[in-house]
């Protein structure tokens, strides 16, 4: 898939999985994804997505898997990350040489509230620095 994430996805109110990885998606993560109250998996890795993580995405309490690595994201991680009580997989880093996520700030202490979290990846993979 290429282009931006369609705004019309908000009409899929029962959507549980949005997996658009390894494509040519540009633009930002639409804030309307925060309206998808049944979304469990958001996988947008290996694209050309820019901007920051929309604040209302942290209100989708059903999310248990977020993979945004290897894009061109910036900004900070909101303290609202603690709202995602079911989150077990959270990847924001860069594995590929073209990945350019560049978050600033510190990891919010609310990450400690994520009791089910099993994978957290926020750094660049060392294999590309050998």
Protein backbone atom coordinates (compact mmCIF):
# COMPACT_ATOMS: atom_id res chain seq x y z
CA UNK A 1 0.00 0.00 0.00
CA UNK A 2 1.15 3.51 -0.67
CA UNK A 3 -0.12 6.98 0.13
CA UNK A 4 -1.63 8.07 3.42
CA UNK A 5 -3.76 6.04 5.80
CA UNK A 6 -7.37 6.54 4.66
CA UNK A 7 -9.51 8.68 6.94
CA UNK A 8 -12.45 6.42 6.07
CA UNK A 9 -11.01 3.66 8.27
CA UNK A 10 -12.81 5.34 11.15
CA UNK A 11 -16.02 3.91 9.72
CA UNK A 12 -14.80 0.38 10.46
CA UNK A 13 -15.92 0.62 14.07
CA UNK A 14 -15.37 -3.09 14.82
CA UNK A 15 -11.84 -3.18 13.31
CA UNK A 16 -9.47 -5.18 15.52
CA UNK A 17 -6.32 -5.42 13.37
CA UNK A 18 -4.72 -2.71 11.25
CA UNK A 19 -1.55 -4.14 9.72
CA UNK A 20 -0.05 -2.02 6.95
CA UNK A 21 3.57 -2.88 7.47
CA UNK A 22 6.35 -2.85 4.87
CA UNK A 23 4.66 -0.46 2.51
CA UNK A 24 5.05 3.04 1.19
CA UNK A 25 2.71 4.81 3.58
CA UNK A 26 3.40 8.50 3.98
CA UNK A 27 1.89 11.25 6.06
CA UNK A 28 1.09 11.02 9.73
CA UNK A 29 -0.80 8.56 11.89
CA UNK A 30 -4.38 9.84 11.73
CA UNK A 31 -5.83 10.85 15.07
CA UNK A 32 -9.08 9.15 14.06
CA UNK A 33 -7.45 5.78 14.82
CA UNK A 34 -8.14 6.72 18.42
CA UNK A 35 -11.84 6.28 17.64
CA UNK A 36 -11.43 2.57 16.85
CA UNK A 37 -12.49 1.24 20.26
CA UNK A 38 -11.96 -2.45 19.33
CA UNK A 39 -8.50 -2.08 17.81
CA UNK A 40 -6.10 -4.65 19.27
CA UNK A 41 -3.19 -4.63 16.81
CA UNK A 42 -1.66 -1.59 15.15
CA UNK A 43 1.27 -2.57 12.94
CA UNK A 44 2.63 0.23 10.74
CA UNK A 45 6.32 -0.66 10.78
CA UNK A 46 8.70 -0.18 7.84
CA UNK A 47 6.92 2.76 6.19
CA UNK A 48 7.59 6.47 5.73
CA UNK A 49 5.19 7.79 8.35
CA UNK A 50 6.08 11.17 9.85
CA UNK A 51 4.87 13.26 12.76
CA UNK A 52 4.10 12.16 16.28
CA UNK A 53 1.91 9.53 17.89
CA UNK A 54 -1.60 11.02 18.16
CA UNK A 55 -2.57 11.65 21.77
CA UNK A 56 -5.98 9.99 21.44
CA UNK A 57 -4.39 6.71 20.29
CA UNK A 58 -3.51 6.21 23.95
CA UNK A 59 -7.24 6.06 24.71
CA UNK A 60 -7.77 2.81 22.77
CA UNK A 61 -7.66 0.59 25.83
CA UNK A 62 -8.05 -2.59 23.75
CA UNK A 63 -4.63 -2.11 22.10
CA UNK A 64 -2.27 -4.91 23.02
CA UNK A 65 0.23 -4.69 20.13
CA UNK A 66 1.78 -1.53 18.67
CA UNK A 67 4.60 -1.72 16.12
CA UNK A 68 5.70 1.64 14.71
CA UNK A 69 9.38 0.93 14.18
CA UNK A 70 11.33 2.05 11.13
CA UNK A 71 9.36 5.14 10.19
CA UNK A 72 10.20 8.83 10.56
CA UNK A 73 8.29 9.54 13.76
CA UNK A 74 9.23 12.29 16.20
CA UNK A 75 7.91 13.79 19.41
CA UNK A 76 7.53 12.24 22.81
CA UNK A 77 5.70 9.29 24.30
CA UNK A 78 2.71 10.51 26.26
CA UNK A 79 2.22 9.65 29.91
CA UNK A 80 -1.15 8.33 28.71
CA UNK A 81 0.72 5.17 27.64
CA UNK A 82 -0.33 3.87 31.06
CA UNK A 83 -3.94 3.72 29.78
CA UNK A 84 -3.03 0.76 27.54
CA UNK A 85 -3.33 -1.88 30.28
CA UNK A 86 -3.39 -4.79 27.76
CA UNK A 87 -0.25 -3.73 25.90
CA UNK A 88 2.23 -6.61 25.64
CA UNK A 89 4.23 -5.58 22.52
CA UNK A 90 5.44 -2.04 21.93
CA UNK A 91 8.06 -1.30 19.30
CA UNK A 92 9.17 2.22 18.37
CA UNK A 93 12.82 1.72 17.41
CA UNK A 94 14.71 1.33 14.16
CA UNK A 95 15.90 -2.02 12.85
CA UNK A 96 16.59 -1.10 9.23
CA UNK A 97 19.23 1.37 8.04
CA UNK A 98 16.52 3.63 6.62
CA UNK A 99 14.51 3.68 9.85
CA UNK A 100 14.58 7.15 11.31
CA UNK A 101 12.26 7.29 14.33
CA UNK A 102 13.66 10.00 16.53
CA UNK A 103 11.70 10.38 19.75
CA UNK A 104 12.80 12.83 22.43
CA UNK A 105 12.37 13.03 26.15
CA UNK A 106 12.27 10.22 28.66
CA UNK A 107 10.24 7.08 28.95
CA UNK A 108 7.19 8.02 31.03
CA UNK A 109 7.05 6.31 34.43
CA UNK A 110 3.52 5.15 33.51
CA UNK A 111 5.19 2.41 31.44
CA UNK A 112 5.61 0.71 34.81
CA UNK A 113 1.82 0.29 34.92
CA UNK A 114 1.90 -1.98 31.85
CA UNK A 115 1.93 -5.31 33.69
CA UNK A 116 1.46 -7.38 30.52
CA UNK A 117 4.30 -5.71 28.58
CA UNK A 118 6.63 -8.41 27.23
CA UNK A 119 8.53 -6.55 24.49
CA UNK A 120 9.64 -2.94 24.47
CA UNK A 121 11.96 -1.83 21.67
CA UNK A 122 12.88 1.83 21.48
CA UNK A 123 16.49 1.81 20.26
CA UNK A 124 18.32 1.41 16.99
CA UNK A 125 19.51 -2.12 16.31
CA UNK A 126 23.26 -2.47 16.88
CA UNK A 127 23.74 -4.79 13.91
CA UNK A 128 23.82 -1.81 11.56
CA UNK A 129 26.67 -0.16 13.45
CA UNK A 130 29.17 -3.00 13.17
